[in-house]
Amino acid sequence: MKYLIHEVVHCRRGKVPEVLQDLKIINQALLNMGLITTSGRFYADFSDRFDTVVFDQETESLDTYFNAEREFYKNMDQESRDLIDRINNNTVAGYRQMFEVLE
């Protein structure tokens, strides 16, 4: 079974490029750890709310994905903490949706 994790990030005005760069770093780390099955896809919204980035990623196990995410936040090194701080400082809101991929 596969799952789609759909993350919507509302950025501070003009901060989409910086947030996108940081999300691409996270995407590569998730790929390297084997937590997502293919490279994530990124989208920018231009019809509703400006300064919005969407990050879609697929995983085969939500348990494995979220357990690894918990461990990451529990044991962050300084470089990771700086990355998360940048994302948090450059965003105003966001949400996550999860879907089962039907094939």
PDB file of N, CA and C in Angstrom:
ATOM      1  N   MET A   1       0.845  -1.179   0.000  1.00  0.00           N
ATOM      2  CA  MET A   1       0.000   0.000   0.000  1.00  0.00           C
ATOM      3  C   MET A   1       0.887   1.237   0.000  1.00  0.00           C
ATOM      4  N   LYS A   2       0.482   2.259  -0.724  1.00  0.00           N
ATOM      5  CA  LYS A   2       1.203   3.528  -0.747  1.00  0.00           C
ATOM      6  C   LYS A   2       0.307   4.625  -0.200  1.00  0.00           C
ATOM      7  N   TYR A   3       0.958   5.650   0.338  1.00  0.00           N
ATOM      8  CA  TYR A   3       0.257   6.804   0.875  1.00  0.00           C
ATOM      9  C   TYR A   3       0.868   8.070   0.302  1.00  0.00           C
ATOM     10  N   LEU A   4       0.023   9.037   0.041  1.00  0.00           N
ATOM     11  CA  LEU A   4       0.453  10.361  -0.398  1.00  0.00           C
ATOM     12  C   LEU A   4       0.371  11.297   0.795  1.00  0.00           C
ATOM     13  N   ILE A   5       1.465  11.964   1.084  1.00  0.00           N
ATOM     14  CA  ILE A   5       1.488  12.990   2.122  1.00  0.00           C
ATOM     15  C   ILE A   5       1.533  14.327   1.388  1.00  0.00           C
ATOM     16  N   HIS A   6       0.497  15.110   1.574  1.00  0.00           N
ATOM     17  CA  HIS A   6       0.288  16.371   0.857  1.00  0.00           C
ATOM     18  C   HIS A   6       0.442  17.495   1.882  1.00  0.00           C
ATOM     19  N   GLU A   7       1.538  18.242   1.784  1.00  0.00           N
ATOM     20  CA  GLU A   7       1.817  19.312   2.736  1.00  0.00           C
ATOM     21  C   GLU A   7       1.656  20.657   2.045  1.00  0.00           C
ATOM     22  N   VAL A   8       0.857  21.515   2.654  1.00  0.00           N
ATOM     23  CA  VAL A   8       0.617  22.857   2.129  1.00  0.00           C
ATOM     24  C   VAL A   8       1.246  23.846   3.109  1.00  0.00           C
ATOM     25  N   VAL A   9       2.130  24.687   2.590  1.00  0.00           N
ATOM     26  CA  VAL A   9       2.873  25.626   3.433  1.00  0.00           C
ATOM     27  C   VAL A   9       2.588  27.040   2.949  1.00  0.00           C
ATOM     28  N   HIS A  10       2.031  27.856   3.815  1.00  0.00           N
ATOM     29  CA  HIS A  10       1.793  29.273   3.509  1.00  0.00           C
ATOM     30  C   HIS A  10       3.002  30.063   4.020  1.00  0.00           C
ATOM     31  N   CYS A  11       3.717  30.662   3.078  1.00  0.00           N
ATOM     32  CA  CYS A  11       4.972  31.353   3.392  1.00  0.00           C
ATOM     33  C   CYS A  11       4.733  32.834   3.676  1.00  0.00           C
ATOM     34  N   ARG A  12       5.675  33.415   4.389  1.00  0.00           N
ATOM     35  CA  ARG A  12       5.674  34.873   4.533  1.00  0.00           C
ATOM     36  C   ARG A  12       5.872  35.464   3.142  1.00  0.00           C
ATOM     37  N   ARG A  13       5.406  36.674   2.961  1.00  0.00           N
ATOM     38  CA  ARG A  13       5.462  37.341   1.657  1.00  0.00           C
ATOM     39  C   ARG A  13       6.889  37.321   1.102  1.00  0.00           C
ATOM     40  N   GLY A  14       7.040  36.775  -0.097  1.00  0.00           N
ATOM     41  CA  GLY A  14       8.322  36.760  -0.783  1.00  0.00           C
ATOM     42  C   GLY A  14       9.288  35.672  -0.345  1.00  0.00           C
ATOM     43  N   LYS A  15       8.878  34.773   0.544  1.00  0.00           N
ATOM     44  CA  LYS A  15       9.783  33.760   1.100  1.00  0.00           C
ATOM     45  C   LYS A  15       9.663  32.389   0.442  1.00  0.00           C
ATOM     46  N   VAL A  16       8.838  32.271  -0.598  1.00  0.00           N
ATOM     47  CA  VAL A  16       8.673  30.968  -1.262  1.00  0.00           C
ATOM     48  C   VAL A  16      10.012  30.386  -1.726  1.00  0.00           C
ATOM     49  N   PRO A  17      10.888  31.162  -2.386  1.00  0.00           N
ATOM     50  CA  PRO A  17      12.148  30.565  -2.853  1.00  0.00           C
ATOM     51  C   PRO A  17      12.984  29.956  -1.713  1.00  0.00           C
ATOM     52  N   GLU A  18      13.030  30.626  -0.580  1.00  0.00           N
ATOM     53  CA  GLU A  18      13.810  30.116   0.543  1.00  0.00           C
ATOM     54  C   GLU A  18      13.180  28.859   1.127  1.00  0.00           C
ATOM     55  N   VAL A  19      11.865  28.863   1.300  1.00  0.00           N
ATOM     56  CA  VAL A  19      11.180  27.689   1.840  1.00  0.00           C
ATOM     57  C   VAL A  19      11.315  26.522   0.864  1.00  0.00           C
ATOM     58  N   LEU A  20      11.164  26.789  -0.408  1.00  0.00           N
ATOM     59  CA  LEU A  20      11.296  25.744  -1.419  1.00  0.00           C
ATOM     60  C   LEU A  20      12.686  25.113  -1.365  1.00  0.00           C
ATOM     61  N   GLN A  21      13.711  25.923  -1.250  1.00  0.00           N
ATOM     62  CA  GLN A  21      15.080  25.404  -1.157  1.00  0.00           C
ATOM     63  C   GLN A  21      15.226  24.482   0.060  1.00  0.00           C
ATOM     64  N   ASP A  22      14.682  24.876   1.196  1.00  0.00           N
ATOM     65  CA  ASP A  22      14.779  24.058   2.404  1.00  0.00           C
ATOM     66  C   ASP A  22      13.946  22.783   2.295  1.00  0.00           C
ATOM     67  N   LEU A  23      12.776  22.864   1.676  1.00  0.00           N
ATOM     68  CA  LEU A  23      11.963  21.666   1.492  1.00  0.00           C
ATOM     69  C   LEU A  23      12.649  20.677   0.556  1.00  0.00           C
ATOM     70  N   LYS A  24      13.395  21.166  -0.410  1.00  0.00           N
ATOM     71  CA  LYS A  24      14.145  20.272  -1.296  1.00  0.00           C
ATOM     72  C   LYS A  24      15.246  19.543  -0.536  1.00  0.00           C
ATOM     73  N   ILE A  25      15.838  20.188   0.445  1.00  0.00           N
ATOM     74  CA  ILE A  25      16.832  19.526   1.304  1.00  0.00           C
ATOM     75  C   ILE A  25      16.154  18.403   2.092  1.00  0.00           C
ATOM     76  N   ILE A  26      14.980  18.689   2.636  1.00  0.00           N
ATOM     77  CA  ILE A  26      14.230  17.674   3.375  1.00  0.00           C
ATOM     78  C   ILE A  26      13.841  16.534   2.447  1.00  0.00           C
ATOM     79  N   ASN A  27      13.393  16.856   1.237  1.00  0.00           N
ATOM     80  CA  ASN A  27      13.027  15.839   0.260  1.00  0.00           C
ATOM     81  C   ASN A  27      14.205  14.888   0.017  1.00  0.00           C
ATOM     82  N   GLN A  28      15.395  15.443  -0.185  1.00  0.00           N
ATOM     83  CA  GLN A  28      16.570  14.610  -0.449  1.00  0.00           C
ATOM     84  C   GLN A  28      16.901  13.735   0.760  1.00  0.00           C
ATOM     85  N   ALA A  29      16.775  14.285   1.960  1.00  0.00           N
ATOM     86  CA  ALA A  29      17.041  13.500   3.165  1.00  0.00           C
ATOM     87  C   ALA A  29      16.042  12.345   3.291  1.00  0.00           C
ATOM     88  N   LEU A  30      14.763  12.610   3.006  1.00  0.00           N
ATOM     89  CA  LEU A  30      13.756  11.551   3.066  1.00  0.00           C
ATOM     90  C   LEU A  30      14.052  10.455   2.048  1.00  0.00           C
ATOM     91  N   LEU A  31      14.488  10.851   0.856  1.00  0.00           N
ATOM     92  CA  LEU A  31      14.879   9.865  -0.162  1.00  0.00           C
ATOM     93  C   LEU A  31      16.067   9.040   0.315  1.00  0.00           C
ATOM     94  N   ASN A  32      17.082   9.699   0.845  1.00  0.00           N
ATOM     95  CA  ASN A  32      18.287   9.010   1.311  1.00  0.00           C
ATOM     96  C   ASN A  32      17.980   8.024   2.431  1.00  0.00           C
ATOM     97  N   MET A  33      17.004   8.349   3.264  1.00  0.00           N
ATOM     98  CA  MET A  33      16.623   7.472   4.383  1.00  0.00           C
ATOM     99  C   MET A  33      15.657   6.376   3.935  1.00  0.00           C
ATOM    100  N   GLY A  34      15.200   6.429   2.688  1.00  0.00           N
ATOM    101  CA  GLY A  34      14.275   5.421   2.188  1.00  0.00           C
ATOM    102  C   GLY A  34      12.856   5.581   2.686  1.00  0.00           C
ATOM    103  N   LEU A  35      12.511   6.775   3.147  1.00  0.00           N
ATOM    104  CA  LEU A  35      11.177   7.000   3.715  1.00  0.00           C
ATOM    105  C   LEU A  35      10.138   7.374   2.670  1.00  0.00           C
ATOM    106  N   ILE A  36      10.594   7.877   1.525  1.00  0.00           N
ATOM    107  CA  ILE A  36       9.660   8.149   0.439  1.00  0.00           C
ATOM    108  C   ILE A  36      10.096   7.332  -0.766  1.00  0.00           C
ATOM    109  N   THR A  37       9.128   6.957  -1.584  1.00  0.00           N
ATOM    110  CA  THR A  37       9.405   6.021  -2.670  1.00  0.00           C
ATOM    111  C   THR A  37       9.932   6.691  -3.931  1.00  0.00           C
ATOM    112  N   THR A  38       9.564   7.920  -4.163  1.00  0.00           N
ATOM    113  CA  THR A  38      10.057   8.673  -5.311  1.00  0.00           C
ATOM    114  C   THR A  38      10.309  10.096  -4.843  1.00  0.00           C
ATOM    115  N   SER A  39      11.056  10.829  -5.626  1.00  0.00           N
ATOM    116  CA  SER A  39      11.300  12.218  -5.263  1.00  0.00           C
ATOM    117  C   SER A  39       9.975  12.958  -5.149  1.00  0.00           C
ATOM    118  N   GLY A  40       9.861  13.780  -4.130  1.00  0.00           N
ATOM    119  CA  GLY A  40       8.642  14.557  -3.936  1.00  0.00           C
ATOM    120  C   GLY A  40       8.434  15.538  -5.077  1.00  0.00           C
ATOM    121  N   ARG A  41       7.215  16.004  -5.169  1.00  0.00           N
ATOM    122  CA  ARG A  41       6.890  17.009  -6.187  1.00  0.00           C
ATOM    123  C   ARG A  41       6.500  18.296  -5.480  1.00  0.00           C
ATOM    124  N   PHE A  42       6.870  19.403  -6.095  1.00  0.00           N
ATOM    125  CA  PHE A  42       6.618  20.716  -5.514  1.00  0.00           C
ATOM    126  C   PHE A  42       5.734  21.523  -6.448  1.00  0.00           C
ATOM    127  N   TYR A  43       4.855  22.313  -5.841  1.00  0.00           N
ATOM    128  CA  TYR A  43       3.937  23.147  -6.600  1.00  0.00           C
ATOM    129  C   TYR A  43       3.856  24.509  -5.924  1.00  0.00           C
ATOM    130  N   ALA A  44       3.598  25.531  -6.712  1.00  0.00           N
ATOM    131  CA  ALA A  44       3.346  26.866  -6.174  1.00  0.00           C
ATOM    132  C   ALA A  44       1.947  27.282  -6.592  1.00  0.00           C
ATOM    133  N   ASP A  45       1.178  27.773  -5.652  1.00  0.00           N
ATOM    134  CA  ASP A  45      -0.204  28.174  -5.909  1.00  0.00           C
ATOM    135  C   ASP A  45      -0.222  29.582  -6.502  1.00  0.00           C
ATOM    136  N   PHE A  46      -0.939  29.746  -7.591  1.00  0.00           N
ATOM    137  CA  PHE A  46      -1.068  31.078  -8.180  1.00  0.00           C
ATOM    138  C   PHE A  46      -2.523  31.456  -8.420  1.00  0.00           C
ATOM    139  N   SER A  47      -3.455  30.660  -7.929  1.00  0.00           N
ATOM    140  CA  SER A  47      -4.862  30.969  -8.180  1.00  0.00           C
ATOM    141  C   SER A  47      -5.629  31.322  -6.915  1.00  0.00           C
ATOM    142  N   ASP A  48      -5.113  30.973  -5.771  1.00  0.00           N
ATOM    143  CA  ASP A  48      -5.835  31.207  -4.513  1.00  0.00           C
ATOM    144  C   ASP A  48      -5.011  32.146  -3.652  1.00  0.00           C
ATOM    145  N   ARG A  49      -4.330  31.612  -2.705  1.00  0.00           N
ATOM    146  CA  ARG A  49      -3.523  32.402  -1.790  1.00  0.00           C
ATOM    147  C   ARG A  49      -2.077  32.451  -2.287  1.00  0.00           C
ATOM    148  N   PHE A  50      -1.547  33.641  -2.467  1.00  0.00           N
ATOM    149  CA  PHE A  50      -0.165  33.766  -2.912  1.00  0.00           C
ATOM    150  C   PHE A  50       0.788  33.233  -1.858  1.00  0.00           C
ATOM    151  N   ASP A  51       2.027  33.011  -2.262  1.00  0.00           N
ATOM    152  CA  ASP A  51       3.090  32.582  -1.358  1.00  0.00           C
ATOM    153  C   ASP A  51       2.776  31.237  -0.692  1.00  0.00           C
ATOM    154  N   THR A  52       2.257  30.324  -1.477  1.00  0.00           N
ATOM    155  CA  THR A  52       1.945  28.985  -0.990  1.00  0.00           C
ATOM    156  C   THR A  52       2.757  27.964  -1.770  1.00  0.00           C
ATOM    157  N   VAL A  53       3.366  27.030  -1.039  1.00  0.00           N
ATOM    158  CA  VAL A  53       4.095  25.916  -1.637  1.00  0.00           C
ATOM    159  C   VAL A  53       3.407  24.631  -1.212  1.00  0.00           C
ATOM    160  N   VAL A  54       3.265  23.710  -2.158  1.00  0.00           N
ATOM    161  CA  VAL A  54       2.715  22.391  -1.877  1.00  0.00           C
ATOM    162  C   VAL A  54       3.825  21.376  -2.128  1.00  0.00           C
ATOM    163  N   PHE A  55       3.969  20.443  -1.191  1.00  0.00           N
ATOM    164  CA  PHE A  55       4.995  19.399  -1.265  1.00  0.00           C
ATOM    165  C   PHE A  55       4.277  18.062  -1.156  1.00  0.00           C
ATOM    166  N   ASP A  56       4.293  17.283  -2.240  1.00  0.00           N
ATOM    167  CA  ASP A  56       3.680  15.952  -2.252  1.00  0.00           C
ATOM    168  C   ASP A  56       4.772  14.897  -2.224  1.00  0.00           C
ATOM    169  N   GLN A  57       4.569  13.892  -1.401  1.00  0.00           N
ATOM    170  CA  GLN A  57       5.527  12.804  -1.297  1.00  0.00           C
ATOM    171  C   GLN A  57       4.769  11.501  -1.056  1.00  0.00           C
ATOM    172  N   GLU A  58       5.310  10.396  -1.523  1.00  0.00           N
ATOM    173  CA  GLU A  58       4.674   9.096  -1.333  1.00  0.00           C
ATOM    174  C   GLU A  58       5.546   8.231  -0.446  1.00  0.00           C
ATOM    175  N   THR A  59       4.884   7.461   0.408  1.00  0.00           N
ATOM    176  CA  THR A  59       5.578   6.535   1.286  1.00  0.00           C
ATOM    177  C   THR A  59       4.802   5.224   1.324  1.00  0.00           C
ATOM    178  N   GLU A  60       5.504   4.155   1.654  1.00  0.00           N
ATOM    179  CA  GLU A  60       4.848   2.855   1.727  1.00  0.00           C
ATOM    180  C   GLU A  60       4.375   2.534   3.140  1.00  0.00           C
ATOM    181  N   SER A  61       4.858   3.269   4.128  1.00  0.00           N
ATOM    182  CA  SER A  61       4.467   2.993   5.505  1.00  0.00           C
ATOM    183  C   SER A  61       4.362   4.290   6.295  1.00  0.00           C
ATOM    184  N   LEU A  62       3.162   4.613   6.723  1.00  0.00           N
ATOM    185  CA  LEU A  62       2.980   5.805   7.563  1.00  0.00           C
ATOM    186  C   LEU A  62       3.652   5.618   8.918  1.00  0.00           C
ATOM    187  N   ASP A  63       3.593   4.401   9.458  1.00  0.00           N
ATOM    188  CA  ASP A  63       4.248   4.149  10.750  1.00  0.00           C
ATOM    189  C   ASP A  63       5.746   4.413  10.667  1.00  0.00           C
ATOM    190  N   THR A  64       6.391   3.869   9.655  1.00  0.00           N
ATOM    191  CA  THR A  64       7.828   4.070   9.493  1.00  0.00           C
ATOM    192  C   THR A  64       8.140   5.547   9.277  1.00  0.00           C
ATOM    193  N   TYR A  65       7.354   6.208   8.443  1.00  0.00           N
ATOM    194  CA  TYR A  65       7.564   7.624   8.143  1.00  0.00           C
ATOM    195  C   TYR A  65       7.474   8.472   9.412  1.00  0.00           C
ATOM    196  N   PHE A  66       6.403   8.286  10.180  1.00  0.00           N
ATOM    197  CA  PHE A  66       6.201   9.136  11.358  1.00  0.00           C
ATOM    198  C   PHE A  66       7.124   8.773  12.513  1.00  0.00           C
ATOM    199  N   ASN A  67       7.490   7.501  12.646  1.00  0.00           N
ATOM    200  CA  ASN A  67       8.476   7.131  13.669  1.00  0.00           C
ATOM    201  C   ASN A  67       9.823   7.782  13.366  1.00  0.00           C
ATOM    202  N   ALA A  68      10.224   7.772  12.088  1.00  0.00           N
ATOM    203  CA  ALA A  68      11.478   8.421  11.700  1.00  0.00           C
ATOM    204  C   ALA A  68      11.397   9.932  11.912  1.00  0.00           C
ATOM    205  N   GLU A  69      10.236  10.523  11.626  1.00  0.00           N
ATOM    206  CA  GLU A  69      10.068  11.961  11.837  1.00  0.00           C
ATOM    207  C   GLU A  69      10.195  12.310  13.325  1.00  0.00           C
ATOM    208  N   ARG A  70       9.582  11.500  14.172  1.00  0.00           N
ATOM    209  CA  ARG A  70       9.708  11.732  15.628  1.00  0.00           C
ATOM    210  C   ARG A  70      11.162  11.651  16.082  1.00  0.00           C
ATOM    211  N   GLU A  71      11.884  10.639  15.605  1.00  0.00           N
ATOM    212  CA  GLU A  71      13.292  10.478  15.960  1.00  0.00           C
ATOM    213  C   GLU A  71      14.116  11.659  15.480  1.00  0.00           C
ATOM    214  N   PHE A  72      13.817  12.143  14.275  1.00  0.00           N
ATOM    215  CA  PHE A  72      14.526  13.287  13.732  1.00  0.00           C
ATOM    216  C   PHE A  72      14.385  14.488  14.663  1.00  0.00           C
ATOM    217  N   TYR A  73      13.159  14.792  15.076  1.00  0.00           N
ATOM    218  CA  TYR A  73      12.934  15.958  15.933  1.00  0.00           C
ATOM    219  C   TYR A  73      13.516  15.755  17.327  1.00  0.00           C
ATOM    220  N   LYS A  74      13.552  14.533  17.787  1.00  0.00           N
ATOM    221  CA  LYS A  74      14.089  14.240  19.120  1.00  0.00           C
ATOM    222  C   LYS A  74      15.608  14.364  19.140  1.00  0.00           C
ATOM    223  N   ASN A  75      16.273  14.047  18.034  1.00  0.00           N
ATOM    224  CA  ASN A  75      17.739  13.978  17.993  1.00  0.00           C
ATOM    225  C   ASN A  75      18.348  14.920  16.962  1.00  0.00           C
ATOM    226  N   MET A  76      17.786  16.112  16.800  1.00  0.00           N
ATOM    227  CA  MET A  76      18.276  17.040  15.781  1.00  0.00           C
ATOM    228  C   MET A  76      19.677  17.557  16.099  1.00  0.00           C
ATOM    229  N   ASP A  77      20.523  17.586  15.064  1.00  0.00           N
ATOM    230  CA  ASP A  77      21.808  18.259  15.197  1.00  0.00           C
ATOM    231  C   ASP A  77      21.600  19.746  14.905  1.00  0.00           C
ATOM    232  N   GLN A  78      22.643  20.542  15.058  1.00  0.00           N
ATOM    233  CA  GLN A  78      22.494  21.991  14.901  1.00  0.00           C
ATOM    234  C   GLN A  78      22.114  22.372  13.471  1.00  0.00           C
ATOM    235  N   GLU A  79      22.671  21.688  12.483  1.00  0.00           N
ATOM    236  CA  GLU A  79      22.349  21.996  11.091  1.00  0.00           C
ATOM    237  C   GLU A  79      20.858  21.754  10.808  1.00  0.00           C
ATOM    238  N   SER A  80      20.336  20.657  11.334  1.00  0.00           N
ATOM    239  CA  SER A  80      18.906  20.353  11.158  1.00  0.00           C
ATOM    240  C   SER A  80      18.042  21.361  11.898  1.00  0.00           C
ATOM    241  N   ARG A  81      18.461  21.726  13.100  1.00  0.00           N
ATOM    242  CA  ARG A  81      17.717  22.721  13.889  1.00  0.00           C
ATOM    243  C   ARG A  81      17.668  24.059  13.144  1.00  0.00           C
ATOM    244  N   ASP A  82      18.784  24.445  12.537  1.00  0.00           N
ATOM    245  CA  ASP A  82      18.824  25.693  11.753  1.00  0.00           C
ATOM    246  C   ASP A  82      17.873  25.619  10.557  1.00  0.00           C
ATOM    247  N   LEU A  83      17.830  24.471   9.891  1.00  0.00           N
ATOM    248  CA  LEU A  83      16.934  24.276   8.751  1.00  0.00           C
ATOM    249  C   LEU A  83      15.481  24.429   9.178  1.00  0.00           C
ATOM    250  N   ILE A  84      15.096  23.767  10.247  1.00  0.00           N
ATOM    251  CA  ILE A  84      13.713  23.838  10.738  1.00  0.00           C
ATOM    252  C   ILE A  84      13.400  25.256  11.212  1.00  0.00           C
ATOM    253  N   ASP A  85      14.336  25.900  11.865  1.00  0.00           N
ATOM    254  CA  ASP A  85      14.115  27.292  12.298  1.00  0.00           C
ATOM    255  C   ASP A  85      13.883  28.216  11.105  1.00  0.00           C
ATOM    256  N   ARG A  86      14.650  28.023  10.029  1.00  0.00           N
ATOM    257  CA  ARG A  86      14.453  28.845   8.825  1.00  0.00           C
ATOM    258  C   ARG A  86      13.056  28.637   8.261  1.00  0.00           C
ATOM    259  N   ILE A  87      12.641  27.377   8.157  1.00  0.00           N
ATOM    260  CA  ILE A  87      11.301  27.100   7.632  1.00  0.00           C
ATOM    261  C   ILE A  87      10.252  27.747   8.526  1.00  0.00           C
ATOM    262  N   ASN A  88      10.379  27.570   9.830  1.00  0.00           N
ATOM    263  CA  ASN A  88       9.395  28.149  10.759  1.00  0.00           C
ATOM    264  C   ASN A  88       9.373  29.672  10.698  1.00  0.00           C
ATOM    265  N   ASN A  89      10.517  30.303  10.531  1.00  0.00           N
ATOM    266  CA  ASN A  89      10.575  31.765  10.463  1.00  0.00           C
ATOM    267  C   ASN A  89      10.052  32.315   9.143  1.00  0.00           C
ATOM    268  N   ASN A  90      10.064  31.494   8.105  1.00  0.00           N
ATOM    269  CA  ASN A  90       9.643  31.952   6.783  1.00  0.00           C
ATOM    270  C   ASN A  90       8.219  31.537   6.421  1.00  0.00           C
ATOM    271  N   THR A  91       7.518  30.901   7.340  1.00  0.00           N
ATOM    272  CA  THR A  91       6.147  30.472   7.075  1.00  0.00           C
ATOM    273  C   THR A  91       5.196  31.072   8.103  1.00  0.00           C
ATOM    274  N   VAL A  92       3.921  31.114   7.734  1.00  0.00           N
ATOM    275  CA  VAL A  92       2.916  31.633   8.661  1.00  0.00           C
ATOM    276  C   VAL A  92       1.904  30.562   9.062  1.00  0.00           C
ATOM    277  N   ALA A  93       1.727  29.556   8.220  1.00  0.00           N
ATOM    278  CA  ALA A  93       0.759  28.492   8.523  1.00  0.00           C
ATOM    279  C   ALA A  93       0.980  27.354   7.541  1.00  0.00           C
ATOM    280  N   GLY A  94       0.321  26.269   7.807  1.00  0.00           N
ATOM    281  CA  GLY A  94       0.381  25.130   6.903  1.00  0.00           C
ATOM    282  C   GLY A  94      -0.472  23.993   7.437  1.00  0.00           C
ATOM    283  N   TYR A  95      -0.627  22.994   6.606  1.00  0.00           N
ATOM    284  CA  TYR A  95      -1.361  21.800   7.038  1.00  0.00           C
ATOM    285  C   TYR A  95      -0.926  20.625   6.197  1.00  0.00           C
ATOM    286  N   ARG A  96      -1.273  19.447   6.673  1.00  0.00           N
ATOM    287  CA  ARG A  96      -0.895  18.204   6.020  1.00  0.00           C
ATOM    288  C   ARG A  96      -2.136  17.355   5.827  1.00  0.00           C
ATOM    289  N   GLN A  97      -2.221  16.749   4.651  1.00  0.00           N
ATOM    290  CA  GLN A  97      -3.287  15.785   4.367  1.00  0.00           C
ATOM    291  C   GLN A  97      -2.621  14.480   3.957  1.00  0.00           C
ATOM    292  N   MET A  98      -3.260  13.362   4.268  1.00  0.00           N
ATOM    293  CA  MET A  98      -2.737  12.062   3.886  1.00  0.00           C
ATOM    294  C   MET A  98      -3.813  11.281   3.153  1.00  0.00           C
ATOM    295  N   PHE A  99      -3.393  10.653   2.066  1.00  0.00           N
ATOM    296  CA  PHE A  99      -4.313   9.893   1.236  1.00  0.00           C
ATOM    297  C   PHE A  99      -3.739   8.512   0.962  1.00  0.00           C
ATOM    298  N   GLU A 100      -4.596   7.524   0.845  1.00  0.00           N
ATOM    299  CA  GLU A 100      -4.172   6.223   0.360  1.00  0.00           C
ATOM    300  C   GLU A 100      -4.136   6.311  -1.166  1.00  0.00           C
ATOM    301  N   VAL A 101      -3.049   5.849  -1.763  1.00  0.00           N
ATOM    302  CA  VAL A 101      -2.917   5.867  -3.214  1.00  0.00           C
ATOM    303  C   VAL A 101      -3.626   4.641  -3.771  1.00  0.00           C
ATOM    304  N   LEU A 102      -4.582   4.867  -4.636  1.00  0.00           N
ATOM    305  CA  LEU A 102      -5.358   3.779  -5.239  1.00  0.00           C
ATOM    306  C   LEU A 102      -4.794   3.496  -6.624  1.00  0.00           C
ATOM    307  N   GLU A 103      -4.437   2.251  -6.852  1.00  0.00           N
ATOM    308  CA  GLU A 103      -3.868   1.900  -8.167  1.00  0.00           C
ATOM    309  C   GLU A 103      -4.746   0.928  -8.882  1.00  0.00           C
TER     310      GLU A 103
END
